[in-house]
Protein backbone atom coordinates (compact mmCIF):
# COMPACT_ATOMS: atom_id res chain seq x y z
CA UNK A 1 17.63 -15.82 -6.03
CA UNK A 2 19.69 -12.64 -5.77
CA UNK A 3 18.02 -9.82 -3.82
CA UNK A 4 19.27 -6.30 -4.40
CA UNK A 5 18.01 -3.31 -2.43
CA UNK A 6 18.52 0.18 -3.86
CA UNK A 7 17.19 3.70 -3.63
CA UNK A 8 17.48 4.38 -7.35
CA UNK A 9 16.98 2.01 -10.25
CA UNK A 10 19.76 1.66 -12.79
CA UNK A 11 19.51 3.31 -16.19
CA UNK A 12 18.06 1.30 -19.07
CA UNK A 13 19.11 1.26 -22.69
CA UNK A 14 16.93 2.20 -25.62
CA UNK A 15 16.01 -1.39 -26.41
CA UNK A 16 15.12 -2.18 -22.81
CA UNK A 17 13.02 0.96 -22.67
CA UNK A 18 10.80 -0.33 -25.46
CA UNK A 19 10.72 -4.00 -24.51
CA UNK A 20 8.31 -5.65 -22.09
CA UNK A 21 9.79 -6.20 -18.67
CA UNK A 22 8.49 -9.74 -18.95
CA UNK A 23 11.71 -10.57 -20.84
CA UNK A 24 14.17 -8.99 -18.38
CA UNK A 25 16.33 -11.02 -15.99
CA UNK A 26 15.96 -8.54 -13.11
CA UNK A 27 12.55 -7.53 -11.80
CA UNK A 28 12.64 -4.12 -10.12
CA UNK A 29 9.92 -3.80 -7.49
CA UNK A 30 8.87 -0.36 -6.25
CA UNK A 31 8.25 -0.51 -2.48
CA UNK A 32 7.69 2.08 0.25
CA UNK A 33 9.19 0.96 3.56
CA UNK A 34 7.01 3.14 5.83
CA UNK A 35 3.74 1.22 6.19
CA UNK A 36 4.16 -1.51 8.84
CA UNK A 37 3.45 -4.40 8.92
CA UNK A 38 3.21 -4.30 5.12
CA UNK A 39 6.58 -2.61 4.67
CA UNK A 40 9.08 -1.08 7.05
CA UNK A 41 12.78 -0.37 7.57
CA UNK A 42 14.72 -2.42 10.12
CA UNK A 43 17.48 -0.95 12.30
CA UNK A 44 20.11 -2.19 9.86
CA UNK A 45 18.37 -0.43 6.94
CA UNK A 46 16.92 -3.59 5.41
CA UNK A 47 13.30 -3.78 4.31
CA UNK A 48 10.75 -6.16 5.81
CA UNK A 49 7.00 -6.71 5.91
CA UNK A 50 4.17 -8.49 4.11
CA UNK A 51 4.52 -6.53 0.85
CA UNK A 52 8.29 -7.04 0.85
CA UNK A 53 8.03 -10.79 1.32
CA UNK A 54 5.30 -11.07 -1.31
CA UNK A 55 7.48 -9.17 -3.79
CA UNK A 56 10.41 -11.51 -3.13
CA UNK A 57 8.18 -14.59 -3.34
CA UNK A 58 6.84 -13.48 -6.73
CA UNK A 59 10.37 -12.96 -8.04
CA UNK A 60 11.25 -16.43 -6.77
CA UNK A 61 8.21 -17.93 -8.51
CA UNK A 62 9.14 -16.20 -11.77
CA UNK A 63 12.80 -17.21 -11.34
CA UNK A 64 13.92 -13.60 -11.65
CA UNK A 65 16.51 -11.56 -9.76
CA UNK A 66 14.66 -9.17 -7.45
CA UNK A 67 15.66 -5.54 -6.94
CA UNK A 68 13.75 -3.56 -4.31
CA UNK A 69 13.53 0.15 -5.11
CA UNK A 70 12.39 2.47 -2.33
CA UNK A 71 10.00 5.28 -3.22
CA UNK A 72 7.82 7.66 -1.20
CA UNK A 73 4.13 6.94 -1.67
CA UNK A 74 3.00 10.03 -3.57
CA UNK A 75 5.64 9.43 -6.26
CA UNK A 76 4.89 5.73 -6.77
CA UNK A 77 3.02 5.87 -10.07
CA UNK A 78 5.10 8.69 -11.64
CA UNK A 79 8.29 6.73 -10.86
CA UNK A 80 6.81 3.58 -12.40
CA UNK A 81 5.91 5.47 -15.58
CA UNK A 82 9.41 6.99 -15.60
CA UNK A 83 10.77 3.39 -15.55
CA UNK A 84 12.58 3.65 -12.21
CA UNK A 85 11.13 0.21 -11.53
CA UNK A 86 8.92 -2.34 -13.27
CA UNK A 87 6.12 -2.98 -10.76
CA UNK A 88 4.66 -1.49 -7.58
CA UNK A 89 4.18 -3.80 -4.60
CA UNK A 90 3.09 -1.26 -1.99
CA UNK A 91 -0.49 -1.94 -0.85
CA UNK A 92 -1.92 0.00 -3.79
CA UNK A 93 -5.70 -0.27 -4.20
CA UNK A 94 -7.07 -1.08 -7.65
CA UNK A 95 -9.23 1.90 -8.67
CA UNK A 96 -10.74 3.08 -11.94
CA UNK A 97 -8.84 6.36 -11.68
CA UNK A 98 -5.47 4.59 -11.35
CA UNK A 99 -6.36 2.23 -14.20
CA UNK A 100 -6.23 5.25 -16.49
CA UNK A 101 -2.48 5.49 -15.85
CA UNK A 102 -1.32 1.94 -15.06
CA UNK A 103 -2.38 -1.69 -15.44
CA UNK A 104 -2.97 -3.96 -12.46
CA UNK A 105 -2.64 -7.62 -11.66
CA UNK A 106 -5.50 -9.41 -9.98
CA UNK A 107 -5.65 -8.57 -6.27
CA UNK A 108 -3.13 -10.02 -3.83
CA UNK A 109 -5.10 -8.95 -0.76
CA UNK A 110 -8.28 -7.11 0.21
CA UNK A 111 -8.88 -5.51 3.62
CA UNK A 112 -11.23 -2.74 4.81
CA UNK A 113 -10.44 0.81 5.94
CA UNK A 114 -11.65 2.56 9.08
CA UNK A 115 -11.20 5.74 11.12
CA UNK A 116 -9.19 5.89 14.36
CA UNK A 117 -9.74 8.48 17.11
CA UNK A 118 -9.35 8.78 20.89
CA UNK A 119 -11.36 6.19 22.81
CA UNK A 120 -13.79 8.81 24.20
CA UNK A 121 -14.26 10.64 20.88
CA UNK A 122 -17.78 11.68 19.85
CA UNK A 123 -17.95 13.18 16.37
CA UNK A 124 -20.84 13.77 13.98
CA UNK A 125 -19.52 11.93 10.92
CA UNK A 126 -21.83 13.54 8.41
CA UNK A 127 -20.85 15.91 5.62
CA UNK A 128 -22.25 18.84 7.61
CA UNK A 129 -21.28 17.70 11.10
CA UNK A 130 -17.66 17.01 10.18
CA UNK A 131 -16.98 20.62 9.22
CA UNK A 132 -13.60 21.63 10.62
CA UNK A 133 -12.68 18.17 11.90
CA UNK A 134 -8.96 17.59 11.45
CA UNK A 135 -8.63 14.33 9.49
CA UNK A 136 -5.24 12.93 8.50
CA UNK A 137 -4.54 10.53 5.63
CA UNK A 138 -1.62 9.44 3.52
CA UNK A 139 -1.19 11.75 0.51
CA UNK A 140 -2.31 10.44 -2.88
CA UNK A 141 -4.26 7.47 -1.51
CA UNK A 142 -7.79 6.20 -2.00
CA UNK A 143 -8.41 7.39 1.55
CA UNK A 144 -7.80 10.98 0.48
CA UNK A 145 -10.39 10.44 -2.25
CA UNK A 146 -12.95 9.19 0.28
CA UNK A 147 -12.49 12.02 2.77
CA UNK A 148 -12.63 14.66 0.04
CA UNK A 149 -15.88 13.14 -1.27
CA UNK A 150 -17.67 12.27 1.99
CA UNK A 151 -16.44 15.13 4.21
CA UNK A 152 -15.76 18.08 1.89
CA UNK A 153 -15.71 20.68 4.70
CA UNK A 154 -13.39 18.75 7.02
CA UNK A 155 -9.86 20.03 7.60
CA UNK A 156 -8.10 17.36 5.54
CA UNK A 157 -4.38 17.05 6.28
CA UNK A 158 -2.12 15.09 3.94
CA UNK A 159 1.09 13.27 4.91
CA UNK A 160 3.96 11.58 3.11
CA UNK A 161 4.15 8.62 5.51
CA UNK A 162 1.67 6.80 7.72
CA UNK A 163 4.09 7.15 10.63
CA UNK A 164 3.67 10.94 10.41
CA UNK A 165 -0.13 10.58 10.44
CA UNK A 166 -0.01 8.57 13.66
CA UNK A 167 2.48 10.97 15.25
CA UNK A 168 0.16 13.95 14.68
CA UNK A 169 -2.85 11.98 15.94
CA UNK A 170 -1.01 11.23 19.19
CA UNK A 171 0.17 14.84 19.47
CA UNK A 172 -3.42 16.09 19.22
CA UNK A 173 -2.94 17.80 15.90
CA UNK A 174 -5.57 15.50 14.35
CA UNK A 175 -9.06 14.48 15.48
CA UNK A 176 -9.15 11.34 13.35
CA UNK A 177 -7.07 9.41 10.87
CA UNK A 178 -8.19 6.91 8.23
CA UNK A 179 -6.29 3.91 6.91
CA UNK A 180 -6.20 0.14 6.37
CA UNK A 181 -7.57 -1.68 9.44
CA UNK A 182 -4.83 -4.32 9.64
CA UNK A 183 -2.08 -1.74 9.24
CA UNK A 184 -3.77 0.34 11.93
CA UNK A 185 -3.97 -2.59 14.36
CA UNK A 186 -0.40 -3.83 14.02
CA UNK A 187 1.21 -0.51 13.17
CA UNK A 188 -0.51 1.61 15.82
CA UNK A 189 -3.32 0.31 18.05
CA UNK A 190 -1.28 -2.64 19.36
CA UNK A 191 1.73 -0.43 20.13
CA UNK A 192 2.50 1.79 23.12
CA UNK A 193 1.93 4.81 20.89
CA UNK A 194 -1.64 3.73 20.19
CA UNK A 195 -2.79 3.37 23.79
CA UNK A 196 -5.95 5.40 24.41
CA UNK A 197 -7.04 5.23 20.75
CA UNK A 198 -9.59 2.99 19.05
CA UNK A 199 -11.44 2.46 15.79
CA UNK A 200 -14.21 4.99 15.26
CA UNK A 201 -17.32 4.07 13.28
CA UNK A 202 -17.71 1.15 10.90
CA UNK A 203 -15.62 -0.11 7.99
CA UNK A 204 -15.78 2.32 5.06
CA UNK A 205 -17.95 1.18 2.14
CA UNK A 206 -16.86 3.27 -0.84
CA UNK A 207 -15.83 1.17 -3.87
CA UNK A 208 -15.70 4.28 -6.07
CA UNK A 209 -12.77 5.62 -4.05
CA UNK A 210 -11.38 2.58 -2.25
CA UNK A 211 -11.38 0.27 -5.25
CA UNK A 212 -11.61 -3.48 -5.65
CA UNK A 213 -8.78 -4.87 -3.58
CA UNK A 214 -5.01 -4.37 -3.57
CA UNK A 215 -3.00 -5.19 -6.67
CA UNK A 216 0.42 -4.84 -8.24
CA UNK A 217 0.71 -1.96 -10.71
CA UNK A 218 2.74 -2.12 -13.93
CA UNK A 219 3.08 0.19 -16.91
CA UNK A 220 0.24 0.28 -19.43
CA UNK A 221 0.38 -2.63 -21.87
CA UNK A 222 3.15 -4.50 -20.03
CA UNK A 223 2.72 -8.30 -20.22
CA UNK A 224 4.27 -8.44 -16.76
CA UNK A 225 0.77 -7.96 -15.31
CA UNK A 226 -0.30 -11.38 -16.59
CA UNK A 227 2.94 -12.99 -15.39
CA UNK A 228 2.53 -11.57 -11.92
CA UNK A 229 -1.16 -12.54 -11.76
CA UNK A 230 -0.18 -16.13 -12.57
CA UNK A 231 2.59 -15.98 -9.95
CA UNK A 232 0.11 -14.73 -7.31
CA UNK A 233 -2.13 -17.71 -8.07
CA UNK A 234 0.88 -20.03 -7.89
CA UNK A 235 2.07 -18.86 -4.46
CA UNK A 236 -1.52 -19.06 -3.21
CA UNK A 237 -1.68 -22.66 -4.39
CA UNK A 238 1.72 -23.85 -3.14
CA UNK A 239 1.44 -22.51 0.40
CA UNK A 240 3.98 -19.70 0.11
CA UNK A 241 1.33 -16.99 0.40
CA UNK A 242 -0.21 -18.62 3.48
CA UNK A 243 3.18 -18.85 5.20
CA UNK A 244 3.83 -15.15 4.62
CA UNK A 245 0.27 -14.19 5.59
CA UNK A 246 0.42 -16.15 8.85
CA UNK A 247 3.73 -14.53 9.79
CA UNK A 248 2.04 -11.12 9.96
CA UNK A 249 -1.72 -11.67 10.43
CA UNK A 250 -4.15 -13.92 12.31
CA UNK A 251 -6.58 -14.08 9.37
CA UNK A 252 -6.26 -14.70 5.65
CA UNK A 253 -6.14 -11.16 4.22
CA UNK A 254 -6.65 -12.29 0.62
CA UNK A 255 -10.39 -11.81 1.00
CA UNK A 256 -13.23 -13.47 -0.87
């Protein structure tokens, strides 16, 4: 399999624009590169992480050339619709709101979300008690939806990368941050930067905002969704998924 990494997808002709990407030789995967251990940039500029390896494994299963296209999170869906790539493999939760704009595969993992604060923090996490609390989340995520709904009077601060959220938490510019628990453990709490911080409260139960697991997004009506769903099932069955999972996590993150 040929792996090509690029910042911009190549132009497509009129016929390719109208055709399903299920017939193309190259599968262009939109990825982020700033959400360890799901995706990150190495010192040499290459991409690594769970999402990256899953994307490559799916291309391998479909016997397609794989092109990784980097994109900041808040532009993920617009860039997909603009045909800069064919699918999004970037820890995107499957929500009813997003389904209005894109189609999803079945889930490829499902993990909870939780707040992080200083170890000695003591906040009143009610709609009224959270007034003025500085809460940081990644812009355009399901987490933004949850904070806006549950804590409407909090001082919600939006960021383009999760790394920036953690940096402001450490610097004291945030009281709390909210994100995926596994990303928080490996990307922050188990690092030197995360010393003195801990999870705050319980896992968030908000299916309206947080969705029904993490899936791969494709353009509306694209048969690629069914192909990728079948490929997810195939790599689950043949052990490829487990090998990737175990490289990054101590538990099976696929969920029930």
